[in-house]
Amino acid sequence: MAGSQDMFDAIVMADERFHGEGYQEGYEEGSTLGIIEGRQHGTLHGAKIGSEIGCYQGFAFAWRCLLHTCAAEKDSKKMKVLESLIGLIEKFPYDDPTYDKLHEDLDRIRGKFKQLCSLLNVQPDFKISVEGSGLSF
């Protein structure tokens, strides 16, 4: 009778043991896959933000060159907004993905870019697609 009781306990304990082992294996595998998926997601979003900021920077540098050649525009509101945009872009924390105000700064850059486009009377169309990103007019 004692032998059959031990066998029954072993069966019950095996179920609990297998449940615990399965949970641990699933947790470890899920953590590994989560890290891989998170890294891919972060890389994709980082590339999109970098591409967007790069387009804004190229746009701003090109317009700075164009406006510097025109003497009447050197001290205009356009130049002040342009220099403000360039300053925001230069201060943007490219190297710190944990920066608390990353999205706030990005929204500020987007707003300044829209303000500059309005002052310059241009209608940009920034697109991010599979083929690449770009700024068209």
Protein backbone atom coordinates (compact mmCIF):
# COMPACT_ATOMS: atom_id res chain seq x y z
CA MET A 1 0.00 0.00 0.00
CA ALA A 2 2.86 2.38 0.82
CA GLY A 3 4.43 1.65 -2.56
CA SER A 4 1.28 2.58 -4.45
CA GLN A 5 1.01 5.79 -2.40
CA ASP A 6 4.60 6.77 -3.36
CA MET A 7 3.82 6.04 -7.00
CA PHE A 8 0.75 8.28 -6.83
CA ASP A 9 2.78 11.07 -5.17
CA ALA A 10 5.44 10.75 -7.88
CA ILE A 11 2.79 11.14 -10.57
CA VAL A 12 1.29 14.22 -8.91
CA MET A 13 4.72 15.73 -8.29
CA ALA A 14 5.81 14.98 -11.86
CA ASP A 15 2.91 17.03 -13.16
CA GLU A 16 3.93 19.97 -10.97
CA ARG A 17 7.59 19.53 -11.89
CA PHE A 18 6.86 19.42 -15.63
CA HIS A 19 4.60 22.45 -15.30
CA GLY A 20 7.41 24.39 -13.59
CA GLU A 21 10.02 23.27 -16.12
CA GLY A 22 7.73 24.16 -19.04
CA TYR A 23 7.04 27.58 -17.58
CA GLN A 24 10.77 28.25 -17.12
CA GLU A 25 11.62 27.12 -20.67
CA GLY A 26 8.80 29.21 -22.11
CA TYR A 27 9.85 32.24 -20.10
CA GLU A 28 13.47 31.99 -21.28
CA GLU A 29 12.48 31.49 -24.92
CA GLY A 30 9.98 34.36 -24.75
CA SER A 31 12.58 36.66 -23.24
CA THR A 32 15.07 35.84 -25.97
CA LEU A 33 12.51 36.37 -28.74
CA GLY A 34 11.31 39.57 -27.06
CA ILE A 35 14.82 41.00 -27.05
CA ILE A 36 15.31 40.13 -30.72
CA GLU A 37 11.93 41.57 -31.73
CA GLY A 38 12.49 44.68 -29.61
CA ARG A 39 15.89 45.26 -31.18
CA GLN A 40 14.42 44.96 -34.70
CA HIS A 41 11.56 47.30 -33.82
CA GLY A 42 13.96 49.84 -32.29
CA THR A 43 16.27 49.70 -35.28
CA LEU A 44 13.40 50.30 -37.68
CA HIS A 45 11.99 53.25 -35.74
CA GLY A 46 15.45 54.71 -35.16
CA ALA A 47 16.14 54.57 -38.89
CA LYS A 48 12.83 56.29 -39.67
CA ILE A 49 13.50 59.09 -37.19
CA GLY A 50 17.07 59.46 -38.43
CA SER A 51 15.90 59.67 -42.02
CA GLU A 52 13.27 62.24 -41.13
CA ILE A 53 15.74 64.40 -39.18
CA GLY A 54 18.28 64.05 -42.00
CA CYS A 55 15.76 65.34 -44.55
CA TYR A 56 14.94 68.29 -42.32
CA GLN A 57 18.62 69.04 -41.89
CA GLY A 58 19.35 68.87 -45.62
CA PHE A 59 16.33 71.07 -46.33
CA ALA A 60 17.47 73.61 -43.73
CA PHE A 61 21.08 73.72 -44.97
CA ALA A 62 19.99 74.15 -48.58
CA TRP A 63 17.65 77.01 -47.68
CA ARG A 64 20.31 78.64 -45.50
CA CYS A 65 22.63 78.75 -48.51
CA LEU A 66 19.86 80.13 -50.71
CA LEU A 67 18.82 82.79 -48.21
CA HIS A 68 22.40 83.89 -47.46
CA THR A 69 22.89 84.81 -51.10
CA CYS A 70 19.92 87.18 -50.94
CA ALA A 71 20.93 90.28 -48.95
CA ALA A 72 17.34 91.24 -48.11
CA GLU A 73 16.69 87.88 -46.45
CA LYS A 74 19.70 87.79 -44.11
CA ASP A 75 17.92 89.32 -41.11
CA SER A 76 14.40 88.26 -41.96
CA LYS A 77 12.03 86.14 -39.92
CA LYS A 78 12.75 83.30 -42.37
CA MET A 79 16.40 83.26 -41.34
CA LYS A 80 15.55 83.36 -37.64
CA VAL A 81 13.19 80.41 -37.94
CA LEU A 82 15.70 78.59 -40.15
CA GLU A 83 18.52 79.07 -37.64
CA SER A 84 16.18 77.97 -34.86
CA LEU A 85 15.38 74.77 -36.78
CA ILE A 86 19.06 74.07 -37.37
CA GLY A 87 19.74 74.64 -33.67
CA LEU A 88 17.03 72.17 -32.66
CA ILE A 89 18.39 69.59 -35.09
CA GLU A 90 21.94 70.02 -33.80
CA LYS A 91 20.78 69.59 -30.19
CA PHE A 92 18.75 66.48 -30.99
CA PRO A 93 20.07 63.49 -28.93
CA TYR A 94 21.00 61.01 -31.67
CA ASP A 95 23.10 58.87 -29.32
CA ASP A 96 20.68 58.54 -26.40
CA PRO A 97 17.62 56.35 -27.07
CA THR A 98 16.60 56.64 -23.40
CA TYR A 99 16.27 60.43 -23.58
CA ASP A 100 13.00 61.34 -21.84
CA LYS A 101 11.96 64.17 -24.13
CA LEU A 102 12.86 62.55 -27.46
CA HIS A 103 9.32 62.70 -28.82
CA GLU A 104 8.77 66.23 -27.50
CA ASP A 105 11.94 67.44 -29.23
CA LEU A 106 10.98 65.63 -32.42
CA ASP A 107 7.55 67.28 -32.35
CA ARG A 108 9.22 70.66 -31.79
CA ILE A 109 11.47 70.08 -34.83
CA ARG A 110 8.47 69.07 -36.94
CA GLY A 111 6.59 72.18 -35.86
CA LYS A 112 9.53 74.46 -36.64
CA PHE A 113 9.91 72.76 -40.02
CA LYS A 114 6.23 73.37 -40.82
CA GLN A 115 6.59 76.99 -39.73
CA LEU A 116 9.60 77.44 -42.01
CA CYS A 117 7.81 75.82 -44.94
CA SER A 118 4.92 78.21 -44.43
CA LEU A 119 7.24 81.23 -44.39
CA LEU A 120 9.06 80.00 -47.49
CA ASN A 121 5.77 79.17 -49.20
CA VAL A 122 6.78 75.60 -50.05
CA GLN A 123 4.64 72.47 -49.76
CA PRO A 124 6.96 69.59 -48.79
CA ASP A 125 5.75 66.01 -48.73
CA PHE A 126 7.95 63.89 -46.50
CA LYS A 127 7.44 60.17 -47.12
CA ILE A 128 8.92 57.08 -45.57
CA SER A 129 8.42 53.97 -47.65
CA VAL A 130 9.99 50.60 -48.39
CA GLU A 131 12.06 52.12 -51.21
CA GLY A 132 13.46 54.80 -48.91
CA SER A 133 12.54 58.16 -47.55
CA GLY A 134 12.44 61.49 -49.22
CA LEU A 135 11.25 65.01 -49.28
CA SER A 136 9.49 66.11 -52.42
CA PHE A 137 7.90 69.35 -53.51
